[in-house]
């Protein structure tokens, strides 16, 4: 049995309907369809009766437009025109605003004002490596703590590595707990003259070197930031650890989204293994943009051979109006007759006429058009074969992973009806496997 046929199908509706499922995390490398998948799942869950919020980190406005919202920001906004008894809210992470909210919630007014106005903090909150991923985790923790929604669907940040979402809290926590931060914090902790003495004597060489490297003003900004943030550093690590445990809890389900391409599935396989190492619950794989053909019985080899014969103005081994030893019968369009015969008909399809010999050519002949279509079909069949080999390799490495496949569609999603269609296809798993659809252009 082919590996593709033996795979376990992913029952998406069962996952979304389960009241114990509180968080669904759509993850994967960039450009594989996470945003559209997350939105379609959120809409389907809402229209099946759940109160859902979709958190996206995609800076594009495509999601807001498809949901009929003028703009998404850091506040959940209810999506109108939802069918059924559920509710759908959507929001887009504002990294800096989320950081500001943390400061405002965990510092008194004077200290919060000092922190928010600090130049080093402004740079850190706007673009420090890993800050976006950390703030996505922070916002997830905030949403879950509010107990306002039955289900939270998370579209993880687009990045080179799908692992950044898991690694960022540890990286930022390590930075805030690092030796340099603790060293810079020491004078502020000692305070008064003792602190100044320590700074002038014990740190003179270090600050002098850093001042030359970073600039004196930047160093003073960093020290002021550290002094103001001193009481908050432990809170960052504590909340990051709590959200990490939340992701490991039984109520969370990870969906790895990938395209049937070698690099994307290699990253998906790596992520599946990493989730297992971190003991995080994997629901399955959404294999996005899978190609298909309505004429799969015609192989690439046969299509190319037929195209070559047509290009040479005749089918090989045919003569005297016969094919395969048969004599053409009246109305039989499946046989190619000799050129110039009054009853000549095209080899592929009835009703088309060829030009009379010597007549002016207004365009490509039927044979040329048919040959071109056959070559296109051969390319499609070769693409299908490559995708199948790639999927089989993944299935061989991870036969335990439930898979649902999403067919490549020609256009993007622009409205709720498009998202509903994708949600329906995501939930369709005939015969234990899937034949699904989403936009090929969606992230």
Protein backbone atom coordinates (compact mmCIF):
# COMPACT_ATOMS: atom_id res chain seq x y z
CA UNK A 1 0.00 0.00 0.00
CA UNK A 2 1.44 3.46 -0.83
CA UNK A 3 2.46 5.44 2.21
CA UNK A 4 0.08 8.24 1.19
CA UNK A 5 -2.89 5.89 1.42
CA UNK A 6 -1.87 4.53 4.80
CA UNK A 7 -1.67 7.84 6.59
CA UNK A 8 -4.03 8.72 9.37
CA UNK A 9 -6.43 11.53 8.44
CA UNK A 10 -6.79 14.56 10.69
CA UNK A 11 -10.36 15.08 11.97
CA UNK A 12 -10.40 18.85 12.16
CA UNK A 13 -14.02 19.25 13.28
CA UNK A 14 -13.47 16.88 16.20
CA UNK A 15 -10.49 19.00 17.26
CA UNK A 16 -12.40 22.29 16.98
CA UNK A 17 -15.58 20.96 18.64
CA UNK A 18 -13.76 19.50 21.65
CA UNK A 19 -14.43 21.89 24.58
CA UNK A 20 -11.14 20.80 26.13
CA UNK A 21 -9.27 22.31 23.17
CA UNK A 22 -8.58 25.88 24.28
CA UNK A 23 -5.58 26.88 22.14
CA UNK A 24 -4.71 25.95 18.54
CA UNK A 25 -1.27 27.07 17.37
CA UNK A 26 -0.64 27.18 13.60
CA UNK A 27 3.08 27.03 13.07
CA UNK A 28 5.54 26.42 10.27
CA UNK A 29 8.02 28.26 8.10
CA UNK A 30 7.13 31.49 6.32
CA UNK A 31 4.88 31.54 3.27
CA UNK A 32 3.12 28.19 3.74
CA UNK A 33 -0.39 29.42 4.57
CA UNK A 34 -0.47 29.80 8.36
CA UNK A 35 -2.48 33.03 8.37
CA UNK A 36 -5.24 31.79 6.09
CA UNK A 37 -5.37 28.44 7.86
CA UNK A 38 -5.69 30.11 11.27
CA UNK A 39 -8.45 32.44 10.05
CA UNK A 40 -10.41 29.64 8.38
CA UNK A 41 -10.18 27.45 11.48
CA UNK A 42 -11.27 30.31 13.73
CA UNK A 43 -14.28 31.06 11.53
CA UNK A 44 -15.31 27.41 11.32
CA UNK A 45 -15.05 26.96 15.09
CA UNK A 46 -17.10 30.13 15.70
CA UNK A 47 -19.84 29.06 13.30
CA UNK A 48 -19.98 25.70 15.06
CA UNK A 49 -20.82 27.48 18.32
CA UNK A 50 -17.55 28.44 19.98
CA UNK A 51 -16.39 31.88 21.10
CA UNK A 52 -13.08 32.33 19.29
CA UNK A 53 -10.31 34.87 19.04
CA UNK A 54 -7.71 34.68 16.27
CA UNK A 55 -4.33 36.22 17.07
CA UNK A 56 -2.29 36.95 13.95
CA UNK A 57 1.24 38.25 13.72
CA UNK A 58 1.04 38.80 9.96
CA UNK A 59 1.68 42.49 9.17
CA UNK A 60 -0.36 42.23 5.96
CA UNK A 61 -3.92 43.54 5.94
CA UNK A 62 -5.25 40.52 4.04
CA UNK A 63 -6.81 38.90 7.11
CA UNK A 64 -8.68 42.04 8.17
CA UNK A 65 -10.05 42.51 4.68
CA UNK A 66 -11.23 38.93 4.38
CA UNK A 67 -13.05 39.27 7.71
CA UNK A 68 -14.75 42.52 6.74
CA UNK A 69 -12.83 44.60 9.28
CA UNK A 70 -11.24 47.92 8.32
CA UNK A 71 -8.14 47.32 10.40
CA UNK A 72 -6.78 44.92 13.02
CA UNK A 73 -4.79 46.14 15.99
CA UNK A 74 -3.74 45.02 19.46
CA UNK A 75 -7.35 44.87 20.69
CA UNK A 76 -9.64 41.96 19.74
CA UNK A 77 -12.37 43.11 17.39
CA UNK A 78 -15.57 41.16 16.76
CA UNK A 79 -16.08 39.95 13.21
CA UNK A 80 -19.58 40.66 11.84
CA UNK A 81 -21.84 38.37 9.81
CA UNK A 82 -20.91 35.16 11.62
CA UNK A 83 -23.44 32.37 11.10
CA UNK A 84 -24.53 30.25 14.04
CA UNK A 85 -24.40 30.88 17.76
CA UNK A 86 -20.67 31.44 18.18
CA UNK A 87 -18.54 34.57 18.06
CA UNK A 88 -15.33 35.38 16.21
CA UNK A 89 -12.89 38.06 17.28
CA UNK A 90 -9.63 38.91 15.56
CA UNK A 91 -6.54 40.91 16.42
CA UNK A 92 -3.09 41.59 15.07
CA UNK A 93 -0.17 41.71 17.47
CA UNK A 94 1.34 45.15 18.04
CA UNK A 95 4.72 44.20 19.43
CA UNK A 96 5.61 47.59 20.94
CA UNK A 97 2.14 48.21 22.34
CA UNK A 98 2.18 44.81 24.06
CA UNK A 99 5.56 45.62 25.64
CA UNK A 100 4.19 49.00 26.77
CA UNK A 101 1.17 47.28 28.34
CA UNK A 102 3.47 45.01 30.33
CA UNK A 103 5.37 48.02 31.67
CA UNK A 104 2.18 49.90 32.51
CA UNK A 105 0.71 46.86 34.28
CA UNK A 106 3.77 46.00 36.37
CA UNK A 107 5.32 49.36 37.26
CA UNK A 108 4.05 52.40 39.16
CA UNK A 109 3.17 55.50 37.16
CA UNK A 110 6.48 57.34 37.64
CA UNK A 111 8.62 54.34 36.84
CA UNK A 112 6.44 53.41 33.84
CA UNK A 113 6.85 56.94 32.46
CA UNK A 114 10.63 56.72 32.89
CA UNK A 115 10.80 53.34 31.17
CA UNK A 116 8.52 54.24 28.25
CA UNK A 117 10.54 57.38 27.57
CA UNK A 118 13.92 55.67 27.74
CA UNK A 119 15.64 55.56 24.32
CA UNK A 120 17.11 52.10 24.92
CA UNK A 121 13.68 50.72 25.88
CA UNK A 122 12.16 52.24 22.76
CA UNK A 123 14.73 50.47 20.60
CA UNK A 124 14.35 47.21 22.51
CA UNK A 125 10.54 47.20 22.31
CA UNK A 126 10.51 48.09 18.63
CA UNK A 127 13.02 45.71 17.15
CA UNK A 128 15.19 43.65 19.49
CA UNK A 129 15.82 40.17 18.08
CA UNK A 130 13.18 37.81 19.42
CA UNK A 131 10.95 40.54 20.84
CA UNK A 132 8.10 39.86 18.39
CA UNK A 133 8.04 36.15 19.21
CA UNK A 134 8.26 36.86 22.94
CA UNK A 135 5.41 39.36 22.76
CA UNK A 136 3.30 36.86 20.83
CA UNK A 137 3.75 34.47 23.74
CA UNK A 138 3.02 37.27 26.22
CA UNK A 139 -0.19 38.21 24.39
CA UNK A 140 -1.27 34.56 24.25
CA UNK A 141 -0.82 34.34 28.02
CA UNK A 142 -2.87 37.51 28.51
CA UNK A 143 -5.72 36.25 26.33
CA UNK A 144 -5.82 32.88 28.07
CA UNK A 145 -5.82 34.48 31.51
CA UNK A 146 -8.89 36.58 30.66
CA UNK A 147 -11.06 33.44 30.26
CA UNK A 148 -13.17 35.40 27.79
CA UNK A 149 -12.88 33.00 24.84
CA UNK A 150 -13.53 29.28 24.44
CA UNK A 151 -10.79 28.96 21.84
CA UNK A 152 -7.68 30.95 20.93
CA UNK A 153 -6.21 30.36 17.47
CA UNK A 154 -2.64 31.62 17.07
CA UNK A 155 -0.93 32.41 13.79
CA UNK A 156 2.75 32.30 14.74
CA UNK A 157 5.20 34.96 13.53
CA UNK A 158 6.64 34.65 10.04
CA UNK A 159 10.34 33.88 10.38
CA UNK A 160 13.14 31.90 8.82
CA UNK A 161 12.81 29.25 11.49
CA UNK A 162 9.53 27.89 12.81
CA UNK A 163 11.32 27.25 16.10
CA UNK A 164 11.70 30.96 16.93
CA UNK A 165 8.25 31.05 18.52
CA UNK A 166 9.35 28.49 21.10
CA UNK A 167 12.89 29.77 21.57
CA UNK A 168 12.26 33.52 21.86
CA UNK A 169 11.01 33.60 25.50
CA UNK A 170 14.10 31.72 26.62
CA UNK A 171 16.38 33.98 24.59
CA UNK A 172 14.84 37.20 25.90
CA UNK A 173 14.77 35.79 29.43
CA UNK A 174 18.44 34.86 29.16
CA UNK A 175 19.23 38.37 27.97
CA UNK A 176 17.37 39.97 30.86
CA UNK A 177 18.98 37.59 33.34
CA UNK A 178 22.41 37.78 31.71
CA UNK A 179 25.68 38.76 33.31
CA UNK A 180 25.87 42.11 31.51
CA UNK A 181 22.42 43.15 32.70
CA UNK A 182 23.22 42.09 36.26
CA UNK A 183 26.50 43.98 36.13
CA UNK A 184 24.83 47.12 34.84
CA UNK A 185 22.17 46.71 37.52
CA UNK A 186 24.66 46.51 40.38
CA UNK A 187 25.30 50.26 40.89
CA UNK A 188 21.58 51.03 40.98
CA UNK A 189 21.03 48.27 43.50
CA UNK A 190 23.78 49.57 45.81
CA UNK A 191 22.48 53.16 45.59
CA UNK A 192 23.80 56.41 46.97
CA UNK A 193 27.49 57.09 47.42
CA UNK A 194 28.31 53.43 47.74
CA UNK A 195 26.79 52.84 44.34
CA UNK A 196 28.67 55.74 42.81
CA UNK A 197 31.90 54.55 44.41
CA UNK A 198 31.34 51.07 43.02
CA UNK A 199 30.58 52.55 39.62
CA UNK A 200 33.62 54.80 39.63
CA UNK A 201 36.08 52.21 40.93
CA UNK A 202 34.83 48.71 40.27
CA UNK A 203 33.26 49.43 36.85
CA UNK A 204 35.43 52.20 35.47
CA UNK A 205 37.32 49.94 33.10
CA UNK A 206 34.20 48.08 31.97
CA UNK A 207 32.11 51.23 31.43
CA UNK A 208 34.97 52.93 29.68
CA UNK A 209 35.28 50.06 27.22
CA UNK A 210 31.52 49.87 26.70
CA UNK A 211 31.34 53.63 26.35
CA UNK A 212 33.82 53.50 23.49
CA UNK A 213 32.01 50.56 21.89
CA UNK A 214 28.42 51.74 22.33
CA UNK A 215 28.80 55.43 22.97
CA UNK A 216 28.51 57.12 26.34
CA UNK A 217 24.90 58.20 25.90
CA UNK A 218 23.72 54.74 24.90
CA UNK A 219 25.47 53.22 27.90
CA UNK A 220 23.76 55.73 30.22
CA UNK A 221 20.41 54.92 28.57
CA UNK A 222 20.98 51.21 29.13
CA UNK A 223 21.92 51.76 32.78
CA UNK A 224 18.87 53.97 33.35
CA UNK A 225 16.65 51.35 31.66
CA UNK A 226 18.10 48.56 33.79
CA UNK A 227 17.62 50.55 36.98
CA UNK A 228 13.98 51.27 36.12
CA UNK A 229 13.23 47.71 34.99
CA UNK A 230 14.96 46.02 37.92
CA UNK A 231 11.78 44.89 39.66
CA UNK A 232 10.23 43.66 36.39
CA UNK A 233 12.97 41.33 35.11
CA UNK A 234 11.82 38.39 37.18
CA UNK A 235 8.27 38.87 35.91
CA UNK A 236 9.35 38.44 32.30
CA UNK A 237 10.91 35.06 33.02
CA UNK A 238 8.00 33.98 35.24
CA UNK A 239 5.38 34.79 32.62
CA UNK A 240 7.43 33.23 29.84
CA UNK A 241 7.73 30.02 31.85
CA UNK A 242 3.99 30.04 32.59
CA UNK A 243 3.09 30.47 28.91
CA UNK A 244 5.54 27.73 27.98
CA UNK A 245 3.78 25.37 30.38
CA UNK A 246 0.45 26.47 28.89
CA UNK A 247 1.68 25.37 25.47
CA UNK A 248 2.52 21.95 26.92
CA UNK A 249 -0.89 21.53 28.54
CA UNK A 250 -3.46 19.05 27.15
CA UNK A 251 -5.79 21.88 26.11
CA UNK A 252 -3.30 23.09 23.49
CA UNK A 253 -3.02 21.65 19.98
CA UNK A 254 -0.23 22.42 17.52
CA UNK A 255 -0.89 22.27 13.79
CA UNK A 256 2.21 22.27 11.62
CA UNK A 257 1.46 23.92 8.26
CA UNK A 258 3.70 23.08 5.30
CA UNK A 259 3.75 22.96 1.52
CA UNK A 260 4.57 19.70 -0.34
CA UNK A 261 8.08 20.95 -1.09
CA UNK A 262 11.34 19.47 0.07
CA UNK A 263 12.55 22.42 2.16
CA UNK A 264 9.16 23.13 3.73
CA UNK A 265 8.59 19.49 4.70
CA UNK A 266 12.14 19.16 5.99
CA UNK A 267 11.46 22.10 8.31
CA UNK A 268 8.08 20.61 9.23
CA UNK A 269 9.73 17.30 10.13
CA UNK A 270 12.28 19.12 12.27
CA UNK A 271 9.49 21.03 14.02
CA UNK A 272 7.51 17.85 14.63
CA UNK A 273 10.58 16.35 16.30
CA UNK A 274 11.17 19.49 18.35
CA UNK A 275 7.57 19.52 19.59
CA UNK A 276 8.00 15.92 20.70
CA UNK A 277 11.20 16.80 22.55
CA UNK A 278 9.46 19.68 24.32
CA UNK A 279 6.45 17.47 25.12
CA UNK A 280 4.04 19.76 23.31
CA UNK A 281 0.80 18.26 21.91
CA UNK A 282 0.87 17.91 18.12
CA UNK A 283 -2.56 17.52 16.48
CA UNK A 284 -1.25 16.96 12.98
CA UNK A 285 0.09 18.36 9.74
CA UNK A 286 -1.80 20.62 7.32
CA UNK A 287 -0.19 19.97 3.95
CA UNK A 288 -1.02 23.07 1.98
CA UNK A 289 -1.10 23.81 -1.78
CA UNK A 290 -1.18 20.19 -2.94
CA UNK A 291 -1.66 19.92 -6.72
CA UNK A 292 -3.93 17.46 -8.47
CA UNK A 293 -5.16 16.59 -11.96
CA UNK A 294 -8.48 15.47 -13.36
CA UNK A 295 -6.65 13.40 -15.95
CA UNK A 296 -4.15 11.58 -13.78
CA UNK A 297 -4.64 8.41 -15.83
CA UNK A 298 -2.69 10.06 -18.65
CA UNK A 299 0.95 9.77 -17.58
CA UNK A 300 3.59 12.40 -18.30
CA UNK A 301 5.39 9.99 -20.61
CA UNK A 302 2.31 9.27 -22.72
CA UNK A 303 1.40 12.96 -22.88
CA UNK A 304 4.89 13.94 -24.04
CA UNK A 305 4.94 11.16 -26.65
CA UNK A 306 1.57 12.29 -28.03
CA UNK A 307 2.75 15.92 -28.10
CA UNK A 308 5.87 14.97 -30.04
CA UNK A 309 3.83 13.01 -32.57
CA UNK A 310 1.44 15.90 -33.08
CA UNK A 311 4.35 18.31 -33.49
CA UNK A 312 5.66 16.07 -36.26
CA UNK A 313 2.30 16.38 -38.08
CA UNK A 314 1.23 12.80 -37.64
CA UNK A 315 0.79 9.99 -35.17
CA UNK A 316 3.47 7.33 -35.56
CA UNK A 317 2.44 3.90 -36.68
CA UNK A 318 -0.77 5.21 -38.19
CA UNK A 319 -1.52 4.93 -41.87
CA UNK A 320 -4.27 4.43 -44.42
CA UNK A 321 -6.76 5.91 -41.96
CA UNK A 322 -6.28 3.07 -39.49
CA UNK A 323 -5.20 2.96 -35.86
CA UNK A 324 -4.44 -0.16 -33.85
CA UNK A 325 -5.66 -2.29 -36.79
CA UNK A 326 -9.18 -0.79 -36.67
CA UNK A 327 -11.08 0.82 -39.53
CA UNK A 328 -12.66 4.18 -38.72
CA UNK A 329 -16.39 4.13 -38.39
CA UNK A 330 -18.79 6.96 -39.04
CA UNK A 331 -18.72 9.52 -36.23
CA UNK A 332 -15.54 8.08 -34.70
CA UNK A 333 -13.47 11.13 -33.69
CA UNK A 334 -10.89 9.16 -31.72
CA UNK A 335 -8.86 8.23 -34.82
CA UNK A 336 -6.60 10.47 -36.83
CA UNK A 337 -7.27 10.33 -40.55
CA UNK A 338 -4.95 11.27 -43.35
CA UNK A 339 -4.47 14.97 -43.87
CA UNK A 340 -6.67 16.35 -46.62
CA UNK A 341 -9.35 13.68 -46.28
CA UNK A 342 -12.86 15.17 -46.41
CA UNK A 343 -13.76 13.43 -43.18
CA UNK A 344 -10.62 14.56 -41.35
CA UNK A 345 -11.22 15.23 -37.64
CA UNK A 346 -8.90 16.25 -34.81
CA UNK A 347 -7.37 13.51 -32.70
CA UNK A 348 -8.43 15.03 -29.41
CA UNK A 349 -12.05 16.16 -29.15
CA UNK A 350 -14.92 16.44 -31.58
CA UNK A 351 -16.17 19.55 -33.20
CA UNK A 352 -12.81 21.27 -33.91
CA UNK A 353 -11.84 21.92 -37.50
CA UNK A 354 -8.40 22.15 -39.07
CA UNK A 355 -7.47 24.76 -41.64
CA UNK A 356 -7.62 23.90 -45.31
CA UNK A 357 -4.25 23.33 -46.87
CA UNK A 358 -2.93 26.58 -48.26
CA UNK A 359 -5.42 28.81 -46.40
CA UNK A 360 -3.97 31.79 -44.50
CA UNK A 361 -3.08 30.92 -40.89
CA UNK A 362 -5.02 33.01 -38.38
CA UNK A 363 -3.40 31.31 -35.39
CA UNK A 364 -1.95 28.06 -34.13
CA UNK A 365 -3.41 24.89 -35.55
CA UNK A 366 -5.43 22.47 -33.49
CA UNK A 367 -2.51 20.05 -33.46
CA UNK A 368 -0.16 22.70 -32.07
CA UNK A 369 -2.63 23.78 -29.41
CA UNK A 370 -3.25 20.16 -28.42
CA UNK A 371 0.48 19.47 -28.29
CA UNK A 372 0.97 22.48 -26.01
CA UNK A 373 -1.79 21.32 -23.70
CA UNK A 374 -0.28 17.85 -23.57
CA UNK A 375 3.10 19.31 -22.58
CA UNK A 376 1.45 21.37 -19.85
CA UNK A 377 -0.27 18.23 -18.61
CA UNK A 378 3.06 16.39 -18.60
CA UNK A 379 4.60 19.17 -16.47
CA UNK A 380 1.68 18.95 -14.05
CA UNK A 381 2.05 15.17 -13.76
CA UNK A 382 5.77 15.54 -13.12
CA UNK A 383 4.99 18.09 -10.39
CA UNK A 384 2.48 15.68 -8.86
CA UNK A 385 5.07 12.92 -8.86
CA UNK A 386 7.62 15.15 -7.08
CA UNK A 387 5.08 16.19 -4.48
CA UNK A 388 4.08 12.56 -3.91
CA UNK A 389 7.69 11.50 -3.35
CA UNK A 390 8.18 14.36 -0.89
CA UNK A 391 5.01 13.47 1.01
CA UNK A 392 5.96 9.80 1.11
CA UNK A 393 9.36 10.65 2.59
CA UNK A 394 7.70 12.65 5.36
CA UNK A 395 5.17 9.87 5.99
CA UNK A 396 7.99 7.32 6.24
CA UNK A 397 9.78 9.46 8.83
CA UNK A 398 6.64 10.32 10.82
CA UNK A 399 3.90 7.75 10.21
CA UNK A 400 2.29 8.70 13.54
CA UNK A 401 1.42 12.24 12.38
CA UNK A 402 -2.16 12.78 11.22
CA UNK A 403 -2.25 14.65 7.91
CA UNK A 404 -4.84 16.68 6.07
CA UNK A 405 -4.08 17.89 2.55
CA UNK A 406 -5.11 21.25 1.12
CA UNK A 407 -5.49 21.59 -2.62
CA UNK A 408 -3.90 24.53 -4.40
CA UNK A 409 -6.55 26.97 -5.61
CA UNK A 410 -5.98 29.60 -8.30
CA UNK A 411 -6.84 32.69 -6.26
CA UNK A 412 -6.47 34.39 -2.91
CA UNK A 413 -9.11 34.69 -0.19
CA UNK A 414 -10.93 38.03 -0.02
CA UNK A 415 -14.00 37.49 2.16
CA UNK A 416 -15.74 35.31 4.74
CA UNK A 417 -17.20 33.05 2.07
CA UNK A 418 -13.68 32.24 0.92
CA UNK A 419 -12.64 31.44 4.48
CA UNK A 420 -15.76 29.29 4.92
CA UNK A 421 -14.85 27.34 1.81
CA UNK A 422 -11.36 26.72 3.13
CA UNK A 423 -12.72 25.69 6.51
CA UNK A 424 -15.05 23.21 4.82
CA UNK A 425 -12.19 21.77 2.84
CA UNK A 426 -9.98 21.57 5.91
CA UNK A 427 -12.65 19.52 7.64
CA UNK A 428 -13.19 17.18 4.69
CA UNK A 429 -11.34 13.90 5.14
CA UNK A 430 -12.90 11.30 2.86
CA UNK A 431 -11.67 7.75 3.34
CA UNK A 432 -9.37 8.75 6.13
CA UNK A 433 -7.31 11.10 3.99
CA UNK A 434 -7.92 14.66 2.89
CA UNK A 435 -8.61 16.54 -0.25
CA UNK A 436 -8.71 20.14 0.79
CA UNK A 437 -8.23 23.67 -0.49
CA UNK A 438 -6.66 27.03 0.40
CA UNK A 439 -5.10 29.91 -1.39
CA UNK A 440 -1.75 29.33 -3.01
CA UNK A 441 -0.80 32.94 -2.42
CA UNK A 442 -1.65 33.07 1.26
CA UNK A 443 1.02 33.14 3.88
